Amino acid sequence: MDKIYISKKIEELRPWYQSIELDGIKTTGKKTSSIKLWNDIKTTMPENLEGKSVLDIGANAGHYSIQSALLGAKVVCVERDDLAYSQFLFIKNYFENIHGDFNIKYIRENIIDLDFDKLGRFDYIFAISILYHLDSYKNNKKAVKTFPNQNRIIKKLTYMSDNIIIRIRNKNYSNTKHFNNIFKGLNFNPEIIDSTNDRTLIIYRKIGSV
């Protein structure tokens, strides 16, 4: 792909949520750079992911999925948005033209409806910017502590992996204390990877796992 084609496709596929660099050209993502986030995520994993598996839920354009696959991981990513899928196909094609085919499966489904039991276990699960969207009780203070979909899916994820990486909004209903209480109750400890005024990136590791 030449730069003219890349620029044209990036413009055609706007708006982008994830910021991704292709031959020196960046998509215009929202707020925090997805490139920086990936560099932070990598600090929690081996340099080589050969023989490892990754599940990326709420994958959007698949930046973290593709980067994991480039390091050798077998990847499953889940996202329902049609535009995000078109972005993923473009990004995947770009990297495969350079590096050859890699092992990645994209499931187009709402994670609330996903049959997690059919997916099996993974070495790492990314839930970077999705869990805090599942239950929105901003205008219902009495319901703020229930979060049925969050709690159900978190419980599923803890059966599927010993390492779960999530991103938390610091200043609203989905706060760090809420997530920490759920994960600790399921025998997982939090380790903060990076924190800003707006978001905190955390890996939850199962207690006693290697």
N, C-alpha and C. Protein backbone atom coordinates (compact mmCIF):
# COMPACT_ATOMS: atom_id res chain seq x y z
N MET A 1 0.84 -1.19 0.00
CA MET A 1 0.00 0.00 0.00
C MET A 1 0.88 1.25 0.00
N ASP A 2 0.56 2.20 -0.89
CA ASP A 2 1.32 3.45 -0.85
C ASP A 2 0.61 4.46 0.06
N LYS A 3 1.30 5.55 0.36
CA LYS A 3 0.78 6.52 1.32
C LYS A 3 -0.48 7.21 0.83
N ILE A 4 -0.60 7.40 -0.47
CA ILE A 4 -1.81 8.04 -1.00
C ILE A 4 -3.03 7.17 -0.73
N TYR A 5 -2.87 5.86 -0.98
CA TYR A 5 -3.98 4.92 -0.73
C TYR A 5 -4.31 4.87 0.76
N ILE A 6 -3.29 4.79 1.61
CA ILE A 6 -3.51 4.73 3.05
C ILE A 6 -4.26 5.96 3.54
N SER A 7 -3.82 7.13 3.11
CA SER A 7 -4.48 8.37 3.51
C SER A 7 -5.93 8.40 3.06
N LYS A 8 -6.16 7.95 1.84
CA LYS A 8 -7.52 7.93 1.30
C LYS A 8 -8.43 7.01 2.10
N LYS A 9 -7.92 5.81 2.44
CA LYS A 9 -8.72 4.86 3.20
C LYS A 9 -8.99 5.36 4.62
N ILE A 10 -8.00 5.97 5.24
CA ILE A 10 -8.19 6.51 6.58
C ILE A 10 -9.29 7.56 6.57
N GLU A 11 -9.26 8.41 5.55
CA GLU A 11 -10.29 9.45 5.44
C GLU A 11 -11.66 8.82 5.17
N GLU A 12 -11.68 7.82 4.32
CA GLU A 12 -12.93 7.15 3.95
C GLU A 12 -13.58 6.45 5.13
N LEU A 13 -12.76 5.94 6.05
CA LEU A 13 -13.26 5.13 7.16
C LEU A 13 -13.43 5.92 8.46
N ARG A 14 -13.41 7.24 8.38
CA ARG A 14 -13.67 8.05 9.57
C ARG A 14 -15.12 7.88 10.04
N PRO A 15 -15.37 8.11 11.35
CA PRO A 15 -14.43 8.50 12.41
C PRO A 15 -13.74 7.28 13.03
N TRP A 16 -12.53 7.50 13.51
CA TRP A 16 -11.75 6.47 14.17
C TRP A 16 -11.79 6.68 15.68
N TYR A 17 -11.95 5.60 16.40
CA TYR A 17 -11.81 5.66 17.86
C TYR A 17 -10.36 5.41 18.26
N GLN A 18 -9.73 4.42 17.61
CA GLN A 18 -8.35 4.06 17.94
C GLN A 18 -7.37 4.85 17.06
N SER A 19 -6.29 5.30 17.68
CA SER A 19 -5.22 5.94 16.91
C SER A 19 -4.18 4.89 16.55
N ILE A 20 -3.97 4.72 15.26
CA ILE A 20 -3.10 3.66 14.73
C ILE A 20 -2.17 4.28 13.69
N GLU A 21 -0.92 3.86 13.68
CA GLU A 21 0.04 4.42 12.74
C GLU A 21 0.32 3.44 11.62
N LEU A 22 0.16 3.90 10.38
CA LEU A 22 0.39 3.10 9.19
C LEU A 22 1.36 3.84 8.28
N ASP A 23 2.56 3.34 8.17
CA ASP A 23 3.58 3.96 7.32
C ASP A 23 3.76 5.44 7.63
N GLY A 24 3.77 5.76 8.91
CA GLY A 24 3.97 7.14 9.34
C GLY A 24 2.71 7.99 9.36
N ILE A 25 1.60 7.43 8.91
CA ILE A 25 0.33 8.17 8.89
C ILE A 25 -0.55 7.64 10.02
N LYS A 26 -1.10 8.54 10.83
CA LYS A 26 -1.91 8.13 11.97
C LYS A 26 -3.38 8.39 11.74
N THR A 27 -4.19 7.44 12.17
CA THR A 27 -5.62 7.70 12.25
C THR A 27 -5.84 8.67 13.40
N THR A 28 -6.95 9.35 13.41
CA THR A 28 -7.22 10.32 14.47
C THR A 28 -8.15 9.69 15.49
N GLY A 29 -7.56 9.11 16.52
CA GLY A 29 -8.35 8.48 17.57
C GLY A 29 -8.80 9.48 18.62
N LYS A 30 -9.64 9.04 19.54
CA LYS A 30 -10.17 9.90 20.59
C LYS A 30 -9.24 9.92 21.79
N LYS A 31 -9.01 11.09 22.32
CA LYS A 31 -8.31 11.30 23.58
C LYS A 31 -7.00 10.54 23.65
N THR A 32 -6.94 9.47 24.48
CA THR A 32 -5.69 8.75 24.70
C THR A 32 -5.26 7.99 23.46
N SER A 33 -3.97 8.04 23.16
CA SER A 33 -3.44 7.34 22.01
C SER A 33 -3.49 5.84 22.21
N SER A 34 -4.04 5.11 21.24
CA SER A 34 -4.05 3.65 21.29
C SER A 34 -2.63 3.10 21.19
N ILE A 35 -1.75 3.86 20.57
CA ILE A 35 -0.34 3.44 20.46
C ILE A 35 0.29 3.43 21.85
N LYS A 36 0.05 4.49 22.63
CA LYS A 36 0.56 4.53 24.00
C LYS A 36 -0.06 3.43 24.85
N LEU A 37 -1.35 3.24 24.71
CA LEU A 37 -2.02 2.20 25.49
C LEU A 37 -1.43 0.82 25.19
N TRP A 38 -1.16 0.55 23.92
CA TRP A 38 -0.57 -0.74 23.57
C TRP A 38 0.81 -0.88 24.20
N ASN A 39 1.61 0.17 24.18
CA ASN A 39 2.93 0.11 24.81
C ASN A 39 2.81 -0.17 26.31
N ASP A 40 1.77 0.38 26.94
CA ASP A 40 1.54 0.10 28.36
C ASP A 40 1.10 -1.36 28.57
N ILE A 41 0.21 -1.83 27.71
CA ILE A 41 -0.27 -3.21 27.82
C ILE A 41 0.87 -4.20 27.66
N LYS A 42 1.78 -3.93 26.74
CA LYS A 42 2.90 -4.84 26.48
C LYS A 42 3.77 -5.07 27.70
N THR A 43 3.81 -4.11 28.61
CA THR A 43 4.66 -4.28 29.79
C THR A 43 4.17 -5.40 30.69
N THR A 44 2.94 -5.85 30.50
CA THR A 44 2.38 -6.90 31.36
C THR A 44 2.56 -8.30 30.76
N MET A 45 3.11 -8.39 29.54
CA MET A 45 3.16 -9.65 28.82
C MET A 45 4.58 -9.98 28.38
N PRO A 46 4.84 -11.24 28.00
CA PRO A 46 6.15 -11.58 27.43
C PRO A 46 6.37 -10.84 26.12
N GLU A 47 7.64 -10.66 25.74
CA GLU A 47 7.95 -9.99 24.48
C GLU A 47 7.49 -10.80 23.28
N ASN A 48 7.53 -12.12 23.40
CA ASN A 48 7.09 -13.01 22.34
C ASN A 48 5.83 -13.74 22.81
N LEU A 49 4.77 -13.66 22.03
CA LEU A 49 3.50 -14.28 22.40
C LEU A 49 3.23 -15.57 21.65
N GLU A 50 4.26 -16.16 21.05
CA GLU A 50 4.10 -17.46 20.39
C GLU A 50 3.55 -18.47 21.39
N GLY A 51 2.52 -19.18 20.99
CA GLY A 51 1.92 -20.18 21.87
C GLY A 51 0.93 -19.60 22.87
N LYS A 52 0.75 -18.27 22.87
CA LYS A 52 -0.19 -17.62 23.78
C LYS A 52 -1.49 -17.28 23.04
N SER A 53 -2.54 -17.07 23.81
CA SER A 53 -3.83 -16.72 23.22
C SER A 53 -4.38 -15.46 23.88
N VAL A 54 -5.09 -14.67 23.08
CA VAL A 54 -5.63 -13.39 23.54
C VAL A 54 -7.08 -13.26 23.11
N LEU A 55 -7.93 -12.81 24.01
CA LEU A 55 -9.30 -12.45 23.69
C LEU A 55 -9.43 -10.94 23.89
N ASP A 56 -9.90 -10.24 22.86
CA ASP A 56 -10.05 -8.79 22.90
C ASP A 56 -11.52 -8.47 22.73
N ILE A 57 -12.21 -8.10 23.83
CA ILE A 57 -13.64 -7.80 23.72
C ILE A 57 -13.83 -6.29 23.65
N GLY A 58 -14.78 -5.88 22.81
CA GLY A 58 -14.91 -4.46 22.50
C GLY A 58 -13.70 -4.01 21.70
N ALA A 59 -13.33 -4.82 20.70
CA ALA A 59 -12.05 -4.67 20.00
C ALA A 59 -11.97 -3.45 19.10
N ASN A 60 -13.12 -2.88 18.74
CA ASN A 60 -13.15 -1.74 17.83
C ASN A 60 -12.42 -2.09 16.54
N ALA A 61 -11.46 -1.27 16.10
CA ALA A 61 -10.74 -1.55 14.85
C ALA A 61 -9.70 -2.65 14.99
N GLY A 62 -9.55 -3.17 16.20
CA GLY A 62 -8.69 -4.34 16.40
C GLY A 62 -7.22 -4.03 16.58
N HIS A 63 -6.87 -2.81 16.98
CA HIS A 63 -5.45 -2.45 17.11
C HIS A 63 -4.71 -3.38 18.07
N TYR A 64 -5.27 -3.61 19.26
CA TYR A 64 -4.59 -4.45 20.25
C TYR A 64 -4.58 -5.91 19.82
N SER A 65 -5.63 -6.32 19.14
CA SER A 65 -5.68 -7.69 18.61
C SER A 65 -4.59 -7.92 17.57
N ILE A 66 -4.49 -6.99 16.64
CA ILE A 66 -3.51 -7.12 15.56
C ILE A 66 -2.09 -7.06 16.11
N GLN A 67 -1.84 -6.16 17.04
CA GLN A 67 -0.50 -6.08 17.62
C GLN A 67 -0.14 -7.36 18.36
N SER A 68 -1.11 -7.95 19.04
CA SER A 68 -0.87 -9.24 19.72
C SER A 68 -0.57 -10.33 18.71
N ALA A 69 -1.32 -10.35 17.62
CA ALA A 69 -1.10 -11.36 16.58
C ALA A 69 0.28 -11.20 15.94
N LEU A 70 0.71 -9.95 15.78
CA LEU A 70 2.04 -9.70 15.21
C LEU A 70 3.15 -10.23 16.10
N LEU A 71 2.87 -10.36 17.41
CA LEU A 71 3.85 -10.92 18.34
C LEU A 71 3.73 -12.43 18.46
N GLY A 72 2.80 -13.02 17.67
CA GLY A 72 2.71 -14.47 17.60
C GLY A 72 1.51 -15.08 18.28
N ALA A 73 0.65 -14.26 18.89
CA ALA A 73 -0.49 -14.80 19.63
C ALA A 73 -1.61 -15.27 18.69
N LYS A 74 -2.37 -16.23 19.18
CA LYS A 74 -3.63 -16.61 18.56
C LYS A 74 -4.70 -15.72 19.18
N VAL A 75 -5.45 -15.00 18.34
CA VAL A 75 -6.31 -13.93 18.85
C VAL A 75 -7.76 -14.12 18.41
N VAL A 76 -8.66 -13.85 19.34
CA VAL A 76 -10.09 -13.71 19.03
C VAL A 76 -10.51 -12.32 19.47
N CYS A 77 -11.12 -11.56 18.57
CA CYS A 77 -11.61 -10.23 18.96
C CYS A 77 -13.11 -10.15 18.70
N VAL A 78 -13.78 -9.39 19.54
CA VAL A 78 -15.25 -9.30 19.50
C VAL A 78 -15.65 -7.83 19.42
N GLU A 79 -16.48 -7.53 18.42
CA GLU A 79 -16.97 -6.15 18.23
C GLU A 79 -18.21 -6.19 17.35
N ARG A 80 -19.23 -5.41 17.69
CA ARG A 80 -20.48 -5.45 16.91
C ARG A 80 -20.57 -4.37 15.84
N ASP A 81 -19.76 -3.31 15.95
CA ASP A 81 -19.91 -2.13 15.10
C ASP A 81 -19.44 -2.39 13.67
N ASP A 82 -20.26 -2.04 12.69
CA ASP A 82 -19.93 -2.30 11.28
C ASP A 82 -18.74 -1.47 10.80
N LEU A 83 -18.69 -0.19 11.17
CA LEU A 83 -17.58 0.65 10.76
C LEU A 83 -16.26 0.12 11.35
N ALA A 84 -16.29 -0.26 12.61
CA ALA A 84 -15.09 -0.81 13.25
C ALA A 84 -14.60 -2.05 12.51
N TYR A 85 -15.52 -2.88 12.04
CA TYR A 85 -15.12 -4.08 11.29
C TYR A 85 -14.45 -3.70 9.97
N SER A 86 -14.97 -2.71 9.29
CA SER A 86 -14.35 -2.24 8.04
C SER A 86 -12.95 -1.68 8.31
N GLN A 87 -12.81 -0.95 9.41
CA GLN A 87 -11.50 -0.44 9.80
C GLN A 87 -10.54 -1.59 10.10
N PHE A 88 -11.03 -2.59 10.80
CA PHE A 88 -10.22 -3.76 11.13
C PHE A 88 -9.70 -4.45 9.87
N LEU A 89 -10.59 -4.66 8.89
CA LEU A 89 -10.17 -5.34 7.67
C LEU A 89 -9.06 -4.57 6.95
N PHE A 90 -9.19 -3.26 6.94
CA PHE A 90 -8.17 -2.41 6.31
C PHE A 90 -6.84 -2.51 7.07
N ILE A 91 -6.88 -2.39 8.39
CA ILE A 91 -5.67 -2.45 9.21
C ILE A 91 -5.02 -3.83 9.12
N LYS A 92 -5.84 -4.85 9.20
CA LYS A 92 -5.33 -6.22 9.10
C LYS A 92 -4.64 -6.45 7.76
N ASN A 93 -5.26 -6.00 6.68
CA ASN A 93 -4.70 -6.15 5.34
C ASN A 93 -3.36 -5.42 5.24
N TYR A 94 -3.28 -4.23 5.83
CA TYR A 94 -2.04 -3.45 5.81
C TYR A 94 -0.90 -4.25 6.46
N PHE A 95 -1.13 -4.75 7.65
CA PHE A 95 -0.06 -5.45 8.36
C PHE A 95 0.26 -6.82 7.75
N GLU A 96 -0.76 -7.48 7.23
CA GLU A 96 -0.49 -8.79 6.61
C GLU A 96 0.29 -8.62 5.30
N ASN A 97 0.10 -7.53 4.59
CA ASN A 97 0.90 -7.28 3.39
C ASN A 97 2.38 -7.15 3.73
N ILE A 98 2.67 -6.72 4.95
CA ILE A 98 4.06 -6.55 5.38
C ILE A 98 4.61 -7.81 6.04
N HIS A 99 3.80 -8.41 6.91
CA HIS A 99 4.30 -9.49 7.78
C HIS A 99 3.79 -10.88 7.42
N GLY A 100 2.87 -10.97 6.48
CA GLY A 100 2.26 -12.26 6.19
C GLY A 100 1.06 -12.51 7.08
N ASP A 101 0.32 -13.58 6.77
CA ASP A 101 -0.91 -13.87 7.50
C ASP A 101 -0.63 -14.17 8.97
N PHE A 102 -1.58 -13.77 9.84
CA PHE A 102 -1.48 -14.15 11.23
C PHE A 102 -2.82 -14.69 11.71
N ASN A 103 -2.79 -15.25 12.94
CA ASN A 103 -3.92 -16.02 13.45
C ASN A 103 -4.86 -15.12 14.26
N ILE A 104 -5.90 -14.65 13.59
CA ILE A 104 -6.83 -13.75 14.27
C ILE A 104 -8.25 -13.98 13.75
N LYS A 105 -9.19 -14.04 14.67
CA LYS A 105 -10.60 -14.24 14.35
C LYS A 105 -11.41 -13.08 14.89
N TYR A 106 -12.25 -12.50 14.07
CA TYR A 106 -13.06 -11.34 14.45
C TYR A 106 -14.51 -11.78 14.53
N ILE A 107 -15.10 -11.69 15.72
CA ILE A 107 -16.50 -12.07 15.92
C ILE A 107 -17.35 -10.80 15.98
N ARG A 108 -18.31 -10.70 15.09
CA ARG A 108 -19.17 -9.51 15.03
C ARG A 108 -20.44 -9.76 15.83
N GLU A 109 -20.37 -9.43 17.12
CA GLU A 109 -21.51 -9.69 18.00
C GLU A 109 -21.44 -8.76 19.21
N ASN A 110 -22.60 -8.43 19.74
CA ASN A 110 -22.68 -7.69 20.99
C ASN A 110 -22.22 -8.60 22.12
N ILE A 111 -21.29 -8.14 22.95
CA ILE A 111 -20.76 -9.06 23.96
C ILE A 111 -21.81 -9.45 25.00
N ILE A 112 -22.86 -8.67 25.15
CA ILE A 112 -23.94 -9.05 26.06
C ILE A 112 -24.60 -10.34 25.59
N ASP A 113 -24.63 -10.56 24.27
CA ASP A 113 -25.28 -11.74 23.69
C ASP A 113 -24.29 -12.88 23.40
N LEU A 114 -23.01 -12.66 23.65
CA LEU A 114 -21.97 -13.62 23.28
C LEU A 114 -22.02 -14.85 24.18
N ASP A 115 -21.84 -16.02 23.58
CA ASP A 115 -21.74 -17.27 24.33
C ASP A 115 -20.27 -17.47 24.71
N PHE A 116 -19.87 -16.94 25.85
CA PHE A 116 -18.48 -17.01 26.29
C PHE A 116 -18.01 -18.45 26.50
N ASP A 117 -18.94 -19.33 26.88
CA ASP A 117 -18.55 -20.71 27.19
C ASP A 117 -17.97 -21.43 25.98
N LYS A 118 -18.32 -20.98 24.78
CA LYS A 118 -17.82 -21.64 23.56
C LYS A 118 -16.41 -21.18 23.16
N LEU A 119 -15.91 -20.14 23.82
CA LEU A 119 -14.64 -19.56 23.39
C LEU A 119 -13.42 -20.24 24.01
N GLY A 120 -13.59 -20.89 25.14
CA GLY A 120 -12.46 -21.56 25.79
C GLY A 120 -11.67 -20.62 26.68
N ARG A 121 -10.42 -21.01 26.98
CA ARG A 121 -9.57 -20.21 27.87
C ARG A 121 -8.52 -19.44 27.07
N PHE A 122 -8.04 -18.35 27.68
CA PHE A 122 -7.05 -17.48 27.04
C PHE A 122 -5.97 -17.10 28.07
N ASP A 123 -4.77 -16.86 27.54
CA ASP A 123 -3.70 -16.40 28.42
C ASP A 123 -3.95 -14.96 28.89
N TYR A 124 -4.52 -14.16 28.00
CA TYR A 124 -4.82 -12.76 28.34
C TYR A 124 -6.18 -12.38 27.76
N ILE A 125 -6.91 -11.58 28.51
CA ILE A 125 -8.14 -10.99 28.01
C ILE A 125 -8.02 -9.47 28.11
N PHE A 126 -8.34 -8.79 27.00
CA PHE A 126 -8.40 -7.33 26.98
C PHE A 126 -9.87 -6.91 27.02
N ALA A 127 -10.22 -6.08 27.98
CA ALA A 127 -11.54 -5.45 28.02
C ALA A 127 -11.28 -3.97 28.24
N ILE A 128 -10.60 -3.37 27.26
CA ILE A 128 -9.96 -2.06 27.46
C ILE A 128 -10.97 -0.93 27.66
N SER A 129 -11.97 -0.85 26.81
CA SER A 129 -12.90 0.29 26.89
C SER A 129 -14.33 -0.18 26.68
N ILE A 130 -14.70 -1.26 27.37
CA ILE A 130 -16.02 -1.83 27.12
C ILE A 130 -16.85 -2.06 28.37
N LEU A 131 -16.25 -2.50 29.47
CA LEU A 131 -17.05 -2.92 30.62
C LEU A 131 -17.87 -1.78 31.19
N TYR A 132 -17.31 -0.57 31.20
CA TYR A 132 -18.05 0.55 31.78
C TYR A 132 -19.21 1.02 30.90
N HIS A 133 -19.34 0.46 29.71
CA HIS A 133 -20.48 0.79 28.85
C HIS A 133 -21.67 -0.15 29.06
N LEU A 134 -21.47 -1.25 29.75
CA LEU A 134 -22.48 -2.30 29.75
C LEU A 134 -23.73 -1.94 30.54
N ASP A 135 -23.57 -1.24 31.65
CA ASP A 135 -24.71 -0.86 32.48
C ASP A 135 -24.59 0.63 32.80
N SER A 136 -25.48 1.43 32.26
CA SER A 136 -25.39 2.87 32.45
C SER A 136 -26.53 3.33 33.36
N TYR A 137 -26.17 3.61 34.61
CA TYR A 137 -27.16 4.07 35.58
C TYR A 137 -26.85 5.49 36.05
N LYS A 138 -26.38 6.31 35.16
CA LYS A 138 -25.97 7.67 35.54
C LYS A 138 -27.12 8.45 36.20
N ASN A 139 -28.36 8.20 35.77
CA ASN A 139 -29.49 8.97 36.26
C ASN A 139 -30.37 8.18 37.23
N ASN A 140 -29.82 7.10 37.77
CA ASN A 140 -30.59 6.27 38.69
C ASN A 140 -29.70 5.88 39.86
N LYS A 141 -29.63 6.74 40.85
CA LYS A 141 -28.69 6.53 41.94
C LYS A 141 -28.98 5.26 42.73
N LYS A 142 -30.23 4.86 42.80
CA LYS A 142 -30.57 3.67 43.56
C LYS A 142 -30.04 2.39 42.91
N ALA A 143 -29.83 2.43 41.59
CA ALA A 143 -29.39 1.23 40.87
C ALA A 143 -27.89 1.18 40.64
N VAL A 144 -27.19 2.20 41.11
CA VAL A 144 -25.80 2.37 40.72
C VAL A 144 -24.90 1.21 41.15
N LYS A 145 -25.27 0.45 42.16
CA LYS A 145 -24.40 -0.61 42.66
C LYS A 145 -24.74 -2.00 42.10
N THR A 146 -25.68 -2.10 41.21
CA THR A 146 -26.10 -3.42 40.75
C THR A 146 -25.33 -3.92 39.54
N PHE A 147 -25.28 -3.15 38.46
CA PHE A 147 -24.51 -3.48 37.27
C PHE A 147 -24.63 -4.96 36.85
N PRO A 148 -25.81 -5.44 36.49
CA PRO A 148 -25.97 -6.88 36.22
C PRO A 148 -25.11 -7.41 35.08
N ASN A 149 -25.03 -6.67 33.97
CA ASN A 149 -24.23 -7.18 32.85
C ASN A 149 -22.74 -7.11 33.14
N GLN A 150 -22.29 -6.04 33.77
CA GLN A 150 -20.88 -5.96 34.16
C GLN A 150 -20.49 -7.15 35.02
N ASN A 151 -21.25 -7.38 36.07
CA ASN A 151 -20.90 -8.42 37.03
C ASN A 151 -20.96 -9.81 36.40
N ARG A 152 -21.96 -10.03 35.57
CA ARG A 152 -22.09 -11.35 34.91
C ARG A 152 -20.93 -11.60 33.98
N ILE A 153 -20.56 -10.62 33.17
CA ILE A 153 -19.50 -10.82 32.19
C ILE A 153 -18.13 -10.88 32.87
N ILE A 154 -17.90 -10.06 33.90
CA ILE A 154 -16.64 -10.16 34.63
C ILE A 154 -16.47 -11.56 35.21
N LYS A 155 -17.53 -12.10 35.77
CA LYS A 155 -17.44 -13.45 36.33
C LYS A 155 -17.08 -14.46 35.25
N LYS A 156 -17.69 -14.33 34.07
CA LYS A 156 -17.35 -15.20 32.94
C LYS A 156 -15.87 -15.08 32.59
N LEU A 157 -15.38 -13.84 32.51
CA LEU A 157 -13.99 -13.63 32.10
C LEU A 157 -13.01 -14.24 33.09
N THR A 158 -13.34 -14.22 34.38
CA THR A 158 -12.43 -14.77 35.38
C THR A 158 -12.34 -16.29 35.30
N TYR A 159 -13.33 -16.93 34.68
CA TYR A 159 -13.25 -18.37 34.42
C TYR A 159 -12.37 -18.66 33.20
N MET A 160 -12.20 -17.65 32.34
CA MET A 160 -11.57 -17.86 31.05
C MET A 160 -10.10 -17.47 31.00
N SER A 161 -9.62 -16.72 31.99
CA SER A 161 -8.23 -16.27 31.97
C SER A 161 -7.76 -15.90 33.36
N ASP A 162 -6.44 -16.01 33.58
CA ASP A 162 -5.83 -15.58 34.84
C ASP A 162 -5.31 -14.14 34.76
N ASN A 163 -5.41 -13.52 33.57
CA ASN A 163 -4.88 -12.18 33.35
C ASN A 163 -5.88 -11.36 32.54
N ILE A 164 -6.51 -10.39 33.17
CA ILE A 164 -7.55 -9.61 32.52
C ILE A 164 -7.19 -8.13 32.61
N ILE A 165 -7.07 -7.49 31.46
CA ILE A 165 -6.67 -6.08 31.40
C ILE A 165 -7.88 -5.23 31.05
N ILE A 166 -8.18 -4.27 31.91
CA ILE A 166 -9.33 -3.42 31.67
C ILE A 166 -8.94 -1.95 31.85
N ARG A 167 -9.81 -1.08 31.37
CA ARG A 167 -9.62 0.36 31.54
C ARG A 167 -10.85 0.91 32.24
N ILE A 168 -10.63 1.73 33.25
CA ILE A 168 -11.71 2.21 34.10
C ILE A 168 -11.84 3.72 33.98
N ARG A 169 -13.07 4.21 33.92
CA ARG A 169 -13.33 5.63 34.02
C ARG A 169 -13.26 6.02 35.49
N ASN A 170 -12.46 7.01 35.81
CA ASN A 170 -12.22 7.33 37.22
C ASN A 170 -13.32 8.16 37.87
N LYS A 171 -14.10 8.88 37.06
CA LYS A 171 -14.97 9.90 37.66
C LYS A 171 -16.46 9.65 37.46
N ASN A 172 -16.85 8.40 37.25
CA ASN A 172 -18.30 8.19 37.15
C ASN A 172 -18.70 6.88 37.81
N TYR A 173 -19.83 6.33 37.41
CA TYR A 173 -20.42 5.17 38.07
C TYR A 173 -19.53 3.94 38.05
N SER A 174 -18.71 3.77 37.02
CA SER A 174 -17.81 2.61 36.97
C SER A 174 -16.46 3.01 37.54
N ASN A 175 -16.31 3.00 38.84
CA ASN A 175 -15.09 3.47 39.44
C ASN A 175 -14.19 2.32 39.86
N THR A 176 -12.96 2.68 40.23
CA THR A 176 -11.96 1.67 40.56
C THR A 176 -12.42 0.79 41.71
N LYS A 177 -13.00 1.37 42.73
CA LYS A 177 -13.44 0.60 43.89
C LYS A 177 -14.45 -0.46 43.49
N HIS A 178 -15.39 -0.09 42.63
CA HIS A 178 -16.41 -1.03 42.18
C HIS A 178 -15.79 -2.25 41.49
N PHE A 179 -14.87 -2.01 40.55
CA PHE A 179 -14.23 -3.11 39.83
C PHE A 179 -13.34 -3.92 40.76
N ASN A 180 -12.57 -3.25 41.62
CA ASN A 180 -11.68 -3.97 42.52
C ASN A 180 -12.45 -4.91 43.44
N ASN A 181 -13.59 -4.46 43.93
CA ASN A 181 -14.39 -5.31 44.82
C ASN A 181 -14.87 -6.56 44.11
N ILE A 182 -15.30 -6.41 42.85
CA ILE A 182 -15.78 -7.57 42.10
C ILE A 182 -14.64 -8.56 41.86
N PHE A 183 -13.52 -8.06 41.34
CA PHE A 183 -12.41 -8.95 41.01
C PHE A 183 -11.79 -9.59 42.26
N LYS A 184 -11.64 -8.83 43.33
CA LYS A 184 -11.07 -9.40 44.55
C LYS A 184 -11.97 -10.50 45.10
N GLY A 185 -13.29 -10.32 44.96
CA GLY A 185 -14.22 -11.35 45.39
C GLY A 185 -14.11 -12.63 44.57
N LEU A 186 -13.51 -12.52 43.38
CA LEU A 186 -13.31 -13.68 42.50
C LEU A 186 -11.85 -14.15 42.51
N ASN A 187 -11.10 -13.71 43.52
CA ASN A 187 -9.71 -14.17 43.74
C ASN A 187 -8.72 -13.59 42.75
N PHE A 188 -8.92 -12.32 42.37
CA PHE A 188 -8.00 -11.62 41.48
C PHE A 188 -7.48 -10.36 42.17
N ASN A 189 -6.19 -10.09 41.99
CA ASN A 189 -5.58 -8.88 42.54
C ASN A 189 -5.34 -7.84 41.44
N PRO A 190 -5.57 -6.54 41.73
CA PRO A 190 -5.33 -5.50 40.73
C PRO A 190 -3.89 -5.01 40.75
N GLU A 191 -3.36 -4.72 39.57
CA GLU A 191 -2.07 -4.05 39.43
C GLU A 191 -2.28 -2.89 38.46
N ILE A 192 -2.08 -1.67 38.91
CA ILE A 192 -2.26 -0.51 38.04
C ILE A 192 -1.11 -0.44 37.04
N ILE A 193 -1.44 -0.38 35.76
CA ILE A 193 -0.45 -0.26 34.69
C ILE A 193 -0.15 1.21 34.43
N ASP A 194 -1.22 2.01 34.33
CA ASP A 194 -1.06 3.45 34.08
C ASP A 194 -2.33 4.15 34.53
N SER A 195 -2.19 5.38 35.01
CA SER A 195 -3.36 6.12 35.46
C SER A 195 -3.22 7.60 35.08
N THR A 196 -4.32 8.17 34.63
CA THR A 196 -4.41 9.60 34.36
C THR A 196 -5.58 10.15 35.18
N ASN A 197 -5.87 11.44 35.03
CA ASN A 197 -7.01 12.01 35.73
C ASN A 197 -8.32 11.40 35.26
N ASP A 198 -8.34 10.88 34.04
CA ASP A 198 -9.58 10.44 33.40
C ASP A 198 -9.77 8.92 33.42
N ARG A 199 -8.70 8.18 33.20
CA ARG A 199 -8.79 6.72 33.06
C ARG A 199 -7.67 6.02 33.84
N THR A 200 -7.94 4.79 34.25
CA THR A 200 -6.92 3.94 34.86
C THR A 200 -6.88 2.61 34.12
N LEU A 201 -5.67 2.19 33.72
CA LEU A 201 -5.46 0.91 33.04
C LEU A 201 -4.95 -0.08 34.08
N ILE A 202 -5.65 -1.19 34.23
CA ILE A 202 -5.36 -2.16 35.29
C ILE A 202 -5.28 -3.57 34.71
N ILE A 203 -4.36 -4.37 35.24
CA ILE A 203 -4.40 -5.80 34.98
C ILE A 203 -4.80 -6.50 36.27
N TYR A 204 -5.80 -7.36 36.16
CA TYR A 204 -6.22 -8.20 37.28
C TYR A 204 -5.64 -9.59 37.07
N ARG A 205 -4.83 -10.03 38.04
CA ARG A 205 -4.18 -11.35 37.94
C ARG A 205 -4.78 -12.28 39.00
N LYS A 206 -5.04 -13.50 38.58
CA LYS A 206 -5.57 -14.48 39.53
C LYS A 206 -4.53 -14.78 40.59
N ILE A 207 -4.94 -14.77 41.83
CA ILE A 207 -4.04 -15.05 42.94
C ILE A 207 -3.54 -16.48 42.84
N GLY A 208 -2.21 -16.63 42.90
CA GLY A 208 -1.62 -17.97 42.82
C GLY A 208 -1.26 -18.41 41.43
N SER A 209 -1.62 -17.63 40.38
CA SER A 209 -1.26 -18.01 39.01
C SER A 209 0.19 -17.68 38.76
N VAL A 210 0.79 -18.42 37.80
CA VAL A 210 2.20 -18.21 37.44
C VAL A 210 2.30 -17.25 36.29
